[in-house]
Amino acid sequence: MTSTHTIPILRPTAAPHEHGWLVESRHPTSEGTVVYVRCADCGIRRVDLQERPPAPPSALSRPLAKP
């Protein structure tokens, strides 16, 4: 039975943390190397671009949660 007079149940969100990025794949492009990474702890993914090999990658996308 359902009721229209119920309080929604709030789902707990993950506490903010420092992501530990793991490389899932990398692909060379004309702009540099595109790197697909995933947080080892929470599973969020992000796409990075490494323009020059000695330089660290920079984020191309915001962190995305699994659907």
C-alpha atoms as a PDB file:
ATOM      1  CA  MET A   1       0.000   0.000   0.000  1.00  0.00           C
ATOM      2  CA  THR A   2       1.333   3.478  -0.825  1.00  0.00           C
ATOM      3  CA  SER A   3       0.510   6.804   0.745  1.00  0.00           C
ATOM      4  CA  THR A   4       0.853  10.341  -0.569  1.00  0.00           C
ATOM      5  CA  HIS A   5       1.514  11.597   2.972  1.00  0.00           C
ATOM      6  CA  THR A   6       4.900  10.018   3.626  1.00  0.00           C
ATOM      7  CA  ILE A   7       8.268  11.640   4.195  1.00  0.00           C
ATOM      8  CA  PRO A   8      10.879  10.816   1.540  1.00  0.00           C
ATOM      9  CA  ILE A   9      13.734   8.619   2.691  1.00  0.00           C
ATOM     10  CA  LEU A  10      17.042  10.397   2.199  1.00  0.00           C
ATOM     11  CA  ARG A  11      19.862   8.207   0.990  1.00  0.00           C
ATOM     12  CA  PRO A  12      23.234   8.817   2.593  1.00  0.00           C
ATOM     13  CA  THR A  13      25.808  10.314   0.256  1.00  0.00           C
ATOM     14  CA  ALA A  14      29.426   9.342   0.256  1.00  0.00           C
ATOM     15  CA  ALA A  15      31.622  11.528   2.405  1.00  0.00           C
ATOM     16  CA  PRO A  16      34.001  13.697   0.373  1.00  0.00           C
ATOM     17  CA  HIS A  17      37.431  12.170   0.035  1.00  0.00           C
ATOM     18  CA  GLU A  18      40.629  12.552  -1.950  1.00  0.00           C
ATOM     19  CA  HIS A  19      40.265  10.386  -5.047  1.00  0.00           C
ATOM     20  CA  GLY A  20      42.957   7.837  -5.837  1.00  0.00           C
ATOM     21  CA  TRP A  21      42.799   7.670  -9.635  1.00  0.00           C
ATOM     22  CA  LEU A  22      43.540   4.381 -11.433  1.00  0.00           C
ATOM     23  CA  VAL A  23      44.111   4.407 -15.199  1.00  0.00           C
ATOM     24  CA  GLU A  24      41.565   2.259 -17.050  1.00  0.00           C
ATOM     25  CA  SER A  25      42.847   3.077 -20.549  1.00  0.00           C
ATOM     26  CA  ARG A  26      44.867   5.652 -22.467  1.00  0.00           C
ATOM     27  CA  HIS A  27      44.810   6.646 -26.128  1.00  0.00           C
ATOM     28  CA  PRO A  28      47.178   8.899 -28.106  1.00  0.00           C
ATOM     29  CA  THR A  29      45.508  11.797 -29.971  1.00  0.00           C
ATOM     30  CA  SER A  30      46.733  14.865 -31.861  1.00  0.00           C
ATOM     31  CA  GLU A  31      46.226  16.929 -28.656  1.00  0.00           C
ATOM     32  CA  GLY A  32      48.124  14.542 -26.392  1.00  0.00           C
ATOM     33  CA  THR A  33      47.178  11.347 -24.558  1.00  0.00           C
ATOM     34  CA  VAL A  34      43.573  10.967 -23.398  1.00  0.00           C
ATOM     35  CA  VAL A  35      43.489   9.025 -20.118  1.00  0.00           C
ATOM     36  CA  TYR A  36      40.324   7.391 -18.724  1.00  0.00           C
ATOM     37  CA  VAL A  37      40.604   7.086 -14.926  1.00  0.00           C
ATOM     38  CA  ARG A  38      38.491   5.640 -12.080  1.00  0.00           C
ATOM     39  CA  CYS A  39      38.652   6.334  -8.333  1.00  0.00           C
ATOM     40  CA  ALA A  40      39.850   3.205  -6.528  1.00  0.00           C
ATOM     41  CA  ASP A  41      37.619   3.975  -3.532  1.00  0.00           C
ATOM     42  CA  CYS A  42      34.241   5.165  -4.853  1.00  0.00           C
ATOM     43  CA  GLY A  43      34.330   4.123  -8.537  1.00  0.00           C
ATOM     44  CA  ILE A  44      33.726   7.605  -9.982  1.00  0.00           C
ATOM     45  CA  ARG A  45      35.243   8.060 -13.435  1.00  0.00           C
ATOM     46  CA  ARG A  46      36.937  11.016 -15.149  1.00  0.00           C
ATOM     47  CA  VAL A  47      38.647  11.757 -18.475  1.00  0.00           C
ATOM     48  CA  ASP A  48      42.064  13.469 -18.398  1.00  0.00           C
ATOM     49  CA  LEU A  49      44.379  14.877 -21.065  1.00  0.00           C
ATOM     50  CA  GLN A  50      48.152  14.565 -20.777  1.00  0.00           C
ATOM     51  CA  GLU A  51      49.560  17.071 -23.270  1.00  0.00           C
ATOM     52  CA  ARG A  52      53.271  16.298 -22.705  1.00  0.00           C
ATOM     53  CA  PRO A  53      54.674  13.103 -21.138  1.00  0.00           C
ATOM     54  CA  PRO A  54      56.515  14.784 -18.225  1.00  0.00           C
ATOM     55  CA  ALA A  55      53.499  16.975 -17.357  1.00  0.00           C
ATOM     56  CA  PRO A  56      50.721  15.578 -15.148  1.00  0.00           C
ATOM     57  CA  PRO A  57      47.336  14.996 -16.817  1.00  0.00           C
ATOM     58  CA  SER A  58      44.643  17.675 -16.512  1.00  0.00           C
ATOM     59  CA  ALA A  59      40.933  16.871 -16.157  1.00  0.00           C
ATOM     60  CA  LEU A  60      38.830  17.158 -19.324  1.00  0.00           C
ATOM     61  CA  SER A  61      35.610  16.163 -17.586  1.00  0.00           C
ATOM     62  CA  ARG A  62      34.010  16.394 -14.153  1.00  0.00           C
ATOM     63  CA  PRO A  63      33.969  13.210 -12.066  1.00  0.00           C
ATOM     64  CA  LEU A  64      31.005  11.072 -13.154  1.00  0.00           C
ATOM     65  CA  ALA A  65      29.237   8.536 -10.957  1.00  0.00           C
ATOM     66  CA  LYS A  66      27.983   5.217 -12.275  1.00  0.00           C
ATOM     67  CA  PRO A  67      24.366   5.420 -13.510  1.00  0.00           C
END
